[in-house]
C-alpha atoms as a PDB file:
ATOM      1  CA  UNK A   1      99.419  93.039 107.540  1.00  0.00           C
ATOM      2  CA  UNK A   2      99.795  89.974 105.316  1.00  0.00           C
ATOM      3  CA  UNK A   3     101.960  90.225 102.198  1.00  0.00           C
ATOM      4  CA  UNK A   4      98.965  90.045  99.846  1.00  0.00           C
ATOM      5  CA  UNK A   5      97.354  92.978 101.672  1.00  0.00           C
ATOM      6  CA  UNK A   6     100.216  95.303 100.782  1.00  0.00           C
ATOM      7  CA  UNK A   7      99.467  97.531  97.824  1.00  0.00           C
ATOM      8  CA  UNK A   8      98.099  95.640  94.823  1.00  0.00           C
ATOM      9  CA  UNK A   9     100.203  92.524  95.277  1.00  0.00           C
ATOM     10  CA  UNK A  10      97.023  90.453  95.411  1.00  0.00           C
ATOM     11  CA  UNK A  11      96.454  91.151  91.702  1.00  0.00           C
ATOM     12  CA  UNK A  12      99.401  89.197  90.174  1.00  0.00           C
ATOM     13  CA  UNK A  13      99.035  86.570  92.899  1.00  0.00           C
ATOM     14  CA  UNK A  14      95.378  86.059  92.008  1.00  0.00           C
ATOM     15  CA  UNK A  15      96.286  85.851  88.306  1.00  0.00           C
ATOM     16  CA  UNK A  16      98.841  83.098  88.898  1.00  0.00           C
ATOM     17  CA  UNK A  17      96.768  81.087  91.375  1.00  0.00           C
ATOM     18  CA  UNK A  18      93.554  81.314  89.352  1.00  0.00           C
ATOM     19  CA  UNK A  19      95.230  80.438  86.044  1.00  0.00           C
ATOM     20  CA  UNK A  20      97.079  77.483  87.558  1.00  0.00           C
ATOM     21  CA  UNK A  21      93.817  76.313  89.124  1.00  0.00           C
ATOM     22  CA  UNK A  22      92.058  76.487  85.749  1.00  0.00           C
ATOM     23  CA  UNK A  23      94.652  74.100  84.295  1.00  0.00           C
ATOM     24  CA  UNK A  24      94.692  71.759  87.295  1.00  0.00           C
ATOM     25  CA  UNK A  25      90.919  71.550  87.814  1.00  0.00           C
ATOM     26  CA  UNK A  26      90.277  70.873  84.127  1.00  0.00           C
ATOM     27  CA  UNK A  27      93.013  68.235  84.140  1.00  0.00           C
ATOM     28  CA  UNK A  28      91.583  66.497  87.219  1.00  0.00           C
ATOM     29  CA  UNK A  29      88.053  66.532  85.788  1.00  0.00           C
ATOM     30  CA  UNK A  30      89.222  65.126  82.436  1.00  0.00           C
ATOM     31  CA  UNK A  31      91.229  62.385  84.180  1.00  0.00           C
ATOM     32  CA  UNK A  32      88.390  61.378  86.486  1.00  0.00           C
ATOM     33  CA  UNK A  33      86.012  61.087  83.516  1.00  0.00           C
ATOM     34  CA  UNK A  34      88.661  59.211  81.441  1.00  0.00           C
ATOM     35  CA  UNK A  35      88.562  61.779  78.652  1.00  0.00           C
ATOM     36  CA  UNK A  36      92.382  62.019  78.446  1.00  0.00           C
ATOM     37  CA  UNK A  37      95.393  59.968  79.510  1.00  0.00           C
ATOM     38  CA  UNK A  38      96.806  60.732  82.972  1.00  0.00           C
ATOM     39  CA  UNK A  39     100.385  61.140  81.736  1.00  0.00           C
ATOM     40  CA  UNK A  40     100.821  64.758  80.635  1.00  0.00           C
ATOM     41  CA  UNK A  41      98.064  65.413  78.083  1.00  0.00           C
ATOM     42  CA  UNK A  42      97.934  68.666  76.151  1.00  0.00           C
ATOM     43  CA  UNK A  43      96.446  71.452  78.257  1.00  0.00           C
ATOM     44  CA  UNK A  44      93.969  72.093  75.461  1.00  0.00           C
ATOM     45  CA  UNK A  45      92.914  68.427  75.488  1.00  0.00           C
ATOM     46  CA  UNK A  46      91.765  68.823  79.098  1.00  0.00           C
ATOM     47  CA  UNK A  47      89.326  71.516  77.942  1.00  0.00           C
ATOM     48  CA  UNK A  48      87.851  69.804  74.904  1.00  0.00           C
ATOM     49  CA  UNK A  49      84.953  67.653  76.154  1.00  0.00           C
ATOM     50  CA  UNK A  50      82.151  68.790  78.495  1.00  0.00           C
ATOM     51  CA  UNK A  51      81.980  69.338  81.419  1.00  0.00           C
ATOM     52  CA  UNK A  52      85.665  70.266  81.755  1.00  0.00           C
ATOM     53  CA  UNK A  53      85.353  72.363  78.590  1.00  0.00           C
ATOM     54  CA  UNK A  54      82.882  74.659  80.357  1.00  0.00           C
ATOM     55  CA  UNK A  55      85.100  74.936  83.427  1.00  0.00           C
ATOM     56  CA  UNK A  56      88.188  75.531  81.290  1.00  0.00           C
ATOM     57  CA  UNK A  57      86.487  78.257  79.259  1.00  0.00           C
ATOM     58  CA  UNK A  58      85.002  80.314  82.071  1.00  0.00           C
ATOM     59  CA  UNK A  59      88.120  80.141  84.240  1.00  0.00           C
ATOM     60  CA  UNK A  60      90.444  81.194  81.413  1.00  0.00           C
ATOM     61  CA  UNK A  61      88.166  84.107  80.549  1.00  0.00           C
ATOM     62  CA  UNK A  62      88.533  85.322  84.128  1.00  0.00           C
ATOM     63  CA  UNK A  63      92.302  84.781  83.850  1.00  0.00           C
ATOM     64  CA  UNK A  64      92.340  86.992  80.768  1.00  0.00           C
ATOM     65  CA  UNK A  65      90.578  89.753  82.712  1.00  0.00           C
ATOM     66  CA  UNK A  66      93.036  89.426  85.620  1.00  0.00           C
ATOM     67  CA  UNK A  67      95.894  89.498  83.116  1.00  0.00           C
ATOM     68  CA  UNK A  68      94.658  92.727  81.530  1.00  0.00           C
ATOM     69  CA  UNK A  69      94.268  94.344  84.950  1.00  0.00           C
ATOM     70  CA  UNK A  70      97.755  93.250  86.021  1.00  0.00           C
ATOM     71  CA  UNK A  71      99.379  94.490  82.822  1.00  0.00           C
ATOM     72  CA  UNK A  72      97.579  97.833  83.012  1.00  0.00           C
ATOM     73  CA  UNK A  73      98.681  98.412  86.610  1.00  0.00           C
ATOM     74  CA  UNK A  74     102.241  97.505  85.618  1.00  0.00           C
ATOM     75  CA  UNK A  75     102.030 100.025  82.771  1.00  0.00           C
ATOM     76  CA  UNK A  76     100.830 102.781  85.114  1.00  0.00           C
ATOM     77  CA  UNK A  77     103.551 101.957  87.634  1.00  0.00           C
ATOM     78  CA  UNK A  78     106.386 102.124  85.116  1.00  0.00           C
ATOM     79  CA  UNK A  79     104.970 105.343  83.682  1.00  0.00           C
ATOM     80  CA  UNK A  80     104.772 106.954  87.133  1.00  0.00           C
ATOM     81  CA  UNK A  81     108.347 105.963  87.973  1.00  0.00           C
ATOM     82  CA  UNK A  82     109.796 107.238  84.680  1.00  0.00           C
ATOM     83  CA  UNK A  83     107.719 110.253  83.602  1.00  0.00           C
ATOM     84  CA  UNK A  84     110.518 111.964  81.659  1.00  0.00           C
ATOM     85  CA  UNK A  85     112.329 109.054  80.008  1.00  0.00           C
ATOM     86  CA  UNK A  86     110.989 108.807  76.457  1.00  0.00           C
ATOM     87  CA  UNK A  87     112.673 105.479  75.657  1.00  0.00           C
ATOM     88  CA  UNK A  88     111.117 103.779  78.671  1.00  0.00           C
ATOM     89  CA  UNK A  89     107.733 105.386  77.985  1.00  0.00           C
ATOM     90  CA  UNK A  90     107.686 104.053  74.406  1.00  0.00           C
ATOM     91  CA  UNK A  91     108.708 100.564  75.521  1.00  0.00           C
ATOM     92  CA  UNK A  92     106.100 100.701  78.257  1.00  0.00           C
ATOM     93  CA  UNK A  93     103.307 101.520  75.780  1.00  0.00           C
ATOM     94  CA  UNK A  94     104.535  98.751  73.488  1.00  0.00           C
ATOM     95  CA  UNK A  95     104.489  96.313  76.386  1.00  0.00           C
ATOM     96  CA  UNK A  96     100.906  97.207  77.300  1.00  0.00           C
ATOM     97  CA  UNK A  97      99.751  96.711  73.698  1.00  0.00           C
ATOM     98  CA  UNK A  98     101.489  93.327  73.483  1.00  0.00           C
ATOM     99  CA  UNK A  99     100.077  92.288  76.851  1.00  0.00           C
ATOM    100  CA  UNK A 100      96.507  93.095  75.857  1.00  0.00           C
ATOM    101  CA  UNK A 101      96.962  91.144  72.613  1.00  0.00           C
ATOM    102  CA  UNK A 102      98.209  88.173  74.624  1.00  0.00           C
ATOM    103  CA  UNK A 103      95.143  88.330  76.891  1.00  0.00           C
ATOM    104  CA  UNK A 104      92.895  88.454  73.842  1.00  0.00           C
ATOM    105  CA  UNK A 105      94.611  85.310  72.585  1.00  0.00           C
ATOM    106  CA  UNK A 106      93.835  83.645  75.913  1.00  0.00           C
ATOM    107  CA  UNK A 107      90.148  84.408  75.361  1.00  0.00           C
ATOM    108  CA  UNK A 108      90.384  82.733  71.942  1.00  0.00           C
ATOM    109  CA  UNK A 109      91.951  79.631  73.511  1.00  0.00           C
ATOM    110  CA  UNK A 110      89.196  79.533  76.116  1.00  0.00           C
ATOM    111  CA  UNK A 111      86.313  79.800  73.662  1.00  0.00           C
ATOM    112  CA  UNK A 112      87.570  77.985  70.522  1.00  0.00           C
ATOM    113  CA  UNK A 113      88.498  74.425  71.425  1.00  0.00           C
ATOM    114  CA  UNK A 114      91.329  72.552  69.752  1.00  0.00           C
ATOM    115  CA  UNK A 115      89.250  69.663  68.419  1.00  0.00           C
ATOM    116  CA  UNK A 116      86.483  71.904  67.043  1.00  0.00           C
ATOM    117  CA  UNK A 117      88.196  74.944  65.474  1.00  0.00           C
ATOM    118  CA  UNK A 118      91.843  73.932  65.444  1.00  0.00           C
ATOM    119  CA  UNK A 119      93.331  76.750  63.372  1.00  0.00           C
ATOM    120  CA  UNK A 120      91.570  79.490  65.341  1.00  0.00           C
ATOM    121  CA  UNK A 121      92.747  77.776  68.529  1.00  0.00           C
ATOM    122  CA  UNK A 122      96.321  77.811  67.199  1.00  0.00           C
ATOM    123  CA  UNK A 123      96.021  81.531  66.406  1.00  0.00           C
ATOM    124  CA  UNK A 124      94.943  82.103  70.000  1.00  0.00           C
ATOM    125  CA  UNK A 125      97.904  80.084  71.276  1.00  0.00           C
ATOM    126  CA  UNK A 126     100.321  82.081  69.104  1.00  0.00           C
ATOM    127  CA  UNK A 127      98.885  85.333  70.420  1.00  0.00           C
ATOM    128  CA  UNK A 128      98.953  84.160  74.025  1.00  0.00           C
ATOM    129  CA  UNK A 129     102.383  82.601  74.185  1.00  0.00           C
ATOM    130  CA  UNK A 130     104.154  84.068  71.140  1.00  0.00           C
ATOM    131  CA  UNK A 131     103.128  87.684  71.727  1.00  0.00           C
ATOM    132  CA  UNK A 132     103.233  86.971  75.462  1.00  0.00           C
ATOM    133  CA  UNK A 133     106.917  86.008  75.196  1.00  0.00           C
ATOM    134  CA  UNK A 134     107.622  89.320  73.447  1.00  0.00           C
ATOM    135  CA  UNK A 135     105.760  91.070  76.279  1.00  0.00           C
ATOM    136  CA  UNK A 136     108.052  89.303  78.764  1.00  0.00           C
ATOM    137  CA  UNK A 137     111.062  90.433  76.724  1.00  0.00           C
ATOM    138  CA  UNK A 138     109.895  94.067  76.814  1.00  0.00           C
ATOM    139  CA  UNK A 139     109.341  93.934  80.574  1.00  0.00           C
ATOM    140  CA  UNK A 140     112.764  92.361  81.068  1.00  0.00           C
ATOM    141  CA  UNK A 141     114.360  95.155  79.031  1.00  0.00           C
ATOM    142  CA  UNK A 142     112.463  97.711  81.112  1.00  0.00           C
ATOM    143  CA  UNK A 143     113.769  96.060  84.269  1.00  0.00           C
ATOM    144  CA  UNK A 144     117.292  96.364  82.866  1.00  0.00           C
ATOM    145  CA  UNK A 145     116.855 100.036  81.954  1.00  0.00           C
ATOM    146  CA  UNK A 146     115.405 100.900  85.363  1.00  0.00           C
ATOM    147  CA  UNK A 147     118.199  99.320  87.396  1.00  0.00           C
ATOM    148  CA  UNK A 148     119.641 100.167  89.862  1.00  0.00           C
ATOM    149  CA  UNK A 149     117.623 103.331  90.587  1.00  0.00           C
ATOM    150  CA  UNK A 150     114.179 101.666  90.454  1.00  0.00           C
ATOM    151  CA  UNK A 151     114.783  97.938  90.043  1.00  0.00           C
ATOM    152  CA  UNK A 152     117.399  95.801  91.740  1.00  0.00           C
ATOM    153  CA  UNK A 153     119.715  93.712  89.596  1.00  0.00           C
ATOM    154  CA  UNK A 154     118.315  90.544  91.153  1.00  0.00           C
ATOM    155  CA  UNK A 155     114.808  91.061  89.733  1.00  0.00           C
ATOM    156  CA  UNK A 156     116.283  91.659  86.278  1.00  0.00           C
ATOM    157  CA  UNK A 157     118.198  88.393  86.361  1.00  0.00           C
ATOM    158  CA  UNK A 158     115.183  86.503  87.677  1.00  0.00           C
ATOM    159  CA  UNK A 159     112.998  87.834  84.850  1.00  0.00           C
ATOM    160  CA  UNK A 160     115.711  87.079  82.306  1.00  0.00           C
ATOM    161  CA  UNK A 161     115.943  83.495  83.589  1.00  0.00           C
ATOM    162  CA  UNK A 162     112.170  83.010  83.355  1.00  0.00           C
ATOM    163  CA  UNK A 163     112.209  84.526  79.857  1.00  0.00           C
ATOM    164  CA  UNK A 164     114.886  82.044  78.737  1.00  0.00           C
ATOM    165  CA  UNK A 165     112.830  79.222  80.286  1.00  0.00           C
ATOM    166  CA  UNK A 166     109.799  80.386  78.321  1.00  0.00           C
ATOM    167  CA  UNK A 167     111.727  80.687  75.039  1.00  0.00           C
ATOM    168  CA  UNK A 168     113.307  77.239  75.404  1.00  0.00           C
ATOM    169  CA  UNK A 169     109.845  75.759  76.034  1.00  0.00           C
ATOM    170  CA  UNK A 170     108.509  77.468  72.896  1.00  0.00           C
ATOM    171  CA  UNK A 171     111.356  76.095  70.766  1.00  0.00           C
ATOM    172  CA  UNK A 172     110.978  72.584  72.199  1.00  0.00           C
ATOM    173  CA  UNK A 173     107.227  72.584  71.690  1.00  0.00           C
ATOM    174  CA  UNK A 174     107.464  73.968  68.156  1.00  0.00           C
ATOM    175  CA  UNK A 175     110.066  71.433  66.992  1.00  0.00           C
ATOM    176  CA  UNK A 176     108.343  68.422  68.563  1.00  0.00           C
ATOM    177  CA  UNK A 177     104.929  69.514  67.221  1.00  0.00           C
ATOM    178  CA  UNK A 178     106.289  69.934  63.696  1.00  0.00           C
ATOM    179  CA  UNK A 179     107.772  66.435  63.882  1.00  0.00           C
ATOM    180  CA  UNK A 180     104.580  64.968  65.361  1.00  0.00           C
ATOM    181  CA  UNK A 181     102.190  66.518  62.825  1.00  0.00           C
ATOM    182  CA  UNK A 182     104.485  66.119  59.821  1.00  0.00           C
ATOM    183  CA  UNK A 183     102.532  63.065  58.635  1.00  0.00           C
ATOM    184  CA  UNK A 184     105.187  60.526  59.580  1.00  0.00           C
ATOM    185  CA  UNK A 185     103.037  59.138  62.393  1.00  0.00           C
ATOM    186  CA  UNK A 186      99.641  59.244  60.772  1.00  0.00           C
ATOM    187  CA  UNK A 187      96.972  61.788  60.055  1.00  0.00           C
ATOM    188  CA  UNK A 188      94.244  63.490  62.092  1.00  0.00           C
ATOM    189  CA  UNK A 189      96.397  63.420  65.240  1.00  0.00           C
ATOM    190  CA  UNK A 190      94.809  66.695  66.358  1.00  0.00           C
ATOM    191  CA  UNK A 191      91.655  64.806  67.347  1.00  0.00           C
ATOM    192  CA  UNK A 192      93.595  62.099  69.187  1.00  0.00           C
ATOM    193  CA  UNK A 193      93.094  62.216  72.968  1.00  0.00           C
ATOM    194  CA  UNK A 194      94.441  58.796  74.000  1.00  0.00           C
ATOM    195  CA  UNK A 195      97.962  57.576  73.248  1.00  0.00           C
ATOM    196  CA  UNK A 196      99.552  54.160  73.636  1.00  0.00           C
ATOM    197  CA  UNK A 197     103.236  54.252  74.715  1.00  0.00           C
ATOM    198  CA  UNK A 198     103.964  51.648  72.031  1.00  0.00           C
ATOM    199  CA  UNK A 199     102.659  53.859  69.218  1.00  0.00           C
ATOM    200  CA  UNK A 200     104.938  55.636  66.796  1.00  0.00           C
ATOM    201  CA  UNK A 201     105.189  59.303  67.597  1.00  0.00           C
ATOM    202  CA  UNK A 202     104.558  58.810  71.304  1.00  0.00           C
ATOM    203  CA  UNK A 203     107.964  60.256  72.238  1.00  0.00           C
ATOM    204  CA  UNK A 204     107.377  63.370  70.136  1.00  0.00           C
ATOM    205  CA  UNK A 205     103.913  63.662  71.684  1.00  0.00           C
ATOM    206  CA  UNK A 206     105.276  63.536  75.246  1.00  0.00           C
ATOM    207  CA  UNK A 207     107.999  66.085  74.475  1.00  0.00           C
ATOM    208  CA  UNK A 208     105.389  68.380  72.974  1.00  0.00           C
ATOM    209  CA  UNK A 209     102.972  68.098  75.903  1.00  0.00           C
ATOM    210  CA  UNK A 210     105.678  68.498  78.544  1.00  0.00           C
ATOM    211  CA  UNK A 211     106.932  71.567  76.676  1.00  0.00           C
ATOM    212  CA  UNK A 212     103.403  73.024  76.639  1.00  0.00           C
ATOM    213  CA  UNK A 213     102.980  72.616  80.404  1.00  0.00           C
ATOM    214  CA  UNK A 214     106.464  74.030  80.927  1.00  0.00           C
ATOM    215  CA  UNK A 215     105.599  76.996  78.710  1.00  0.00           C
ATOM    216  CA  UNK A 216     102.368  77.696  80.588  1.00  0.00           C
ATOM    217  CA  UNK A 217     104.009  77.671  84.002  1.00  0.00           C
ATOM    218  CA  UNK A 218     107.005  79.704  82.855  1.00  0.00           C
ATOM    219  CA  UNK A 219     104.530  82.288  81.626  1.00  0.00           C
ATOM    220  CA  UNK A 220     102.743  82.315  84.989  1.00  0.00           C
ATOM    221  CA  UNK A 221     106.017  82.416  86.905  1.00  0.00           C
ATOM    222  CA  UNK A 222     106.920  85.688  85.237  1.00  0.00           C
ATOM    223  CA  UNK A 223     103.956  87.387  86.895  1.00  0.00           C
ATOM    224  CA  UNK A 224     105.103  86.159  90.303  1.00  0.00           C
ATOM    225  CA  UNK A 225     108.001  88.596  89.938  1.00  0.00           C
ATOM    226  CA  UNK A 226     105.454  91.452  89.954  1.00  0.00           C
ATOM    227  CA  UNK A 227     104.316  90.753  93.525  1.00  0.00           C
ATOM    228  CA  UNK A 228     107.067  92.710  95.283  1.00  0.00           C
ATOM    229  CA  UNK A 229     106.697  95.603  92.832  1.00  0.00           C
ATOM    230  CA  UNK A 230     102.939  95.707  93.306  1.00  0.00           C
ATOM    231  CA  UNK A 231     103.329  95.873  97.084  1.00  0.00           C
ATOM    232  CA  UNK A 232     104.584  99.415  96.575  1.00  0.00           C
ATOM    233  CA  UNK A 233     101.674 100.722  94.523  1.00  0.00           C
ATOM    234  CA  UNK A 234      97.981 101.431  94.979  1.00  0.00           C
ATOM    235  CA  UNK A 235      95.305 102.891  92.763  1.00  0.00           C
ATOM    236  CA  UNK A 236      92.444 105.140  93.808  1.00  0.00           C
ATOM    237  CA  UNK A 237      89.491 106.662  92.020  1.00  0.00           C
ATOM    238  CA  UNK A 238      88.880 110.417  92.200  1.00  0.00           C
ATOM    239  CA  UNK A 239      85.239 111.477  91.863  1.00  0.00           C
ATOM    240  CA  UNK A 240      84.628 114.822  90.160  1.00  0.00           C
ATOM    241  CA  UNK A 241      81.048 116.112  90.339  1.00  0.00           C
ATOM    242  CA  UNK A 242      79.750 118.106  87.387  1.00  0.00           C
ATOM    243  CA  UNK A 243      76.424 118.860  89.025  1.00  0.00           C
ATOM    244  CA  UNK A 244      74.427 118.543  92.227  1.00  0.00           C
ATOM    245  CA  UNK A 245      71.846 116.202  90.713  1.00  0.00           C
ATOM    246  CA  UNK A 246      71.733 113.153  88.454  1.00  0.00           C
ATOM    247  CA  UNK A 247      68.848 114.626  86.415  1.00  0.00           C
ATOM    248  CA  UNK A 248      69.305 116.622  83.244  1.00  0.00           C
ATOM    249  CA  UNK A 249      67.790 119.784  84.669  1.00  0.00           C
ATOM    250  CA  UNK A 250      68.478 123.290  83.362  1.00  0.00           C
ATOM    251  CA  UNK A 251      71.388 124.992  85.109  1.00  0.00           C
ATOM    252  CA  UNK A 252      69.222 128.018  86.014  1.00  0.00           C
ATOM    253  CA  UNK A 253      66.745 125.738  87.786  1.00  0.00           C
ATOM    254  CA  UNK A 254      69.528 124.109  89.779  1.00  0.00           C
ATOM    255  CA  UNK A 255      70.888 127.525  90.748  1.00  0.00           C
ATOM    256  CA  UNK A 256      67.460 128.748  91.866  1.00  0.00           C
ATOM    257  CA  UNK A 257      66.893 125.566  93.825  1.00  0.00           C
ATOM    258  CA  UNK A 258      70.223 125.932  95.603  1.00  0.00           C
ATOM    259  CA  UNK A 259      69.379 129.565  96.428  1.00  0.00           C
ATOM    260  CA  UNK A 260      66.072 128.549  97.961  1.00  0.00           C
ATOM    261  CA  UNK A 261      67.745 125.810  99.989  1.00  0.00           C
ATOM    262  CA  UNK A 262      70.332 128.222 101.301  1.00  0.00           C
ATOM    263  CA  UNK A 263      67.655 130.795 102.133  1.00  0.00           C
ATOM    264  CA  UNK A 264      65.587 128.172 103.900  1.00  0.00           C
ATOM    265  CA  UNK A 265      68.518 127.008 105.958  1.00  0.00           C
ATOM    266  CA  UNK A 266      69.184 130.549 107.111  1.00  0.00           C
END
């Protein structure tokens, strides 16, 4: 049995691979069509102009769905492992709520492009990465509280390291973006897709874009830590029949029909 066939480990793996592919494919398409500069453009810039905008949107919507599924399974797993610990249960519910909000923000990013509806796009980014970072913090705390009975210490330290990577990327991107869009280097830079290395503000632009890519991949890397956990869990559906037919027939008629069938079989 391959590793991705064990339990539900394929779910976080699919989330990471698909999301990374959505960034890479959009980037390649935008570069080939000369819509952006090859050297580290904003991720959002690679999903601004058709046809890459269409590819970017549909792939990120699927990523949001995979993210919701992954976060829900994680919620159910933690709940099953700690059914009587109220502190962990409360944190677990908080984490699920934050995770779903982050996925909703990803849908906003996918469907409201930066150059068209900038402020709505920024709201989506704040939900995705800002609330998403808080989600990572909650899951890291849960990993700490569940060690060593449920979680090993190693997985806690790995998640803490990825969380610090994510937070440092957020700080770097925020500071460089504030400097870039402060008005010192011109106006209407949001619509700017091509940069000359000799231009003022180019350094701040590169720091901001590198920080954004770093933030995105730190966020995805966190879900890689779920793979081993998900190998030990599976979900199944239990079907409960409330009748012997799919028609809305009177109960007495169903009973009589069953009686006749039984009599006929005898």
